[in-house]
Amino acid sequence: MESFTNIIFIICILSLIFFVFGSLMGIIKPTGYYPYTEIGWGKNNYSDFYHLYCEGQTVVALGYSGVRNISMFVEGPMLTYVIGFAMYYELFFRSLGFRKSFIGVFIITIATSFSTTGILIVIFLMYMKFYDFVKKNKFIKYLIVPIVICIVGYSLFFVVDDKFTSNVYSASARTDDILASFKCFFSNFFNGVGYQNMDAIESYRLFKRPNAGLSTGVGAILAYGGLLWGGWYIVPFIVAIANYIRKPETRKKMAFVIMAFMLLFVTVVQSRILCTIINAICWYFILERKCYKMEVLYE
């Protein structure tokens, strides 16, 4: 995953350059424009910058009202999805140790995307990485940590509250997507309704929306493929939770599996090859010890 992380780092650098000098300052001008009628879903019109950066989603949070950094993706959660795994590798799996410049760029990029999920991922990863250090340092443990928790908690509450009050339709639409996809799944439990069969999900929606897609990857997998497809994602998640509790030595790998499932829950990437690769890694992590024991047994 070293090459993947390096690529994501470059993408983040480019996104910050275009976000600052294009979206905020207007020095770099768009080279293309795609209205939602041409895209075929949603209600956002997108401006393209040399096919390296997209501008289309806006946000109102923490006093800021304007464009959010979505890099070359069509929405913030997709950017959070790739940064989450790149950051995880950099912090926990890189044999040479993590690069501070990479972590700094990843955090700044997530901050400019105004992604609540991204902020939670950063907090989760920082907690895991520095847990032992914090636990041993009483000054940080009893004074600094409570202050940081209060600040972060208040900031998250403010962002979430701001998002819901300023964009009630968007929040309601996401909730409706999740409920509709799970209702569809329970009505077609084993086989699902078929790949990309949005018409079957439409009947379960509370709100009828034109050009409506889905905003939950797990919901889409369960609705489209039922337990046959969903099982490939649910089983690693359940096993990872059990191992995380019972086997502390496996927590770094099991936390990766748990994070992968949670990110998929709020990101529509189930049809992308990266999602399949990540799921394959999850299966490798949960089967790794069993495969090793079988090799030893047969030797």
Foldseek 3Di string as FASTA:
>chain_A
DVVLLVVLLVLLVVLVVCCVCPFPVNNQDFPDKAACVRVLADHWIWTHRVLFFIWTDWAQAPNDTGTARCTNDPANLVNLLSLLVSVLCQQPPDPVHHDPVSLVSSVVNNVRNLDLLSLVSNVVSVCVRCVVVLVVDPCCVPPVVVVVCVVSVVRSVRSVVRRCVVCVVVVLLQVQLQQLLVVLLVVVAAAADAQPPVVSSQVSGPDRDGRHDHQAQLSNQSRHGHCVRNVLLVVLLVLLVVCVVVPVVLVSLSVLSVSLNVSNGGHRCNVPVVNVVSSVSSVCSSCVVVVVVVVVVVD
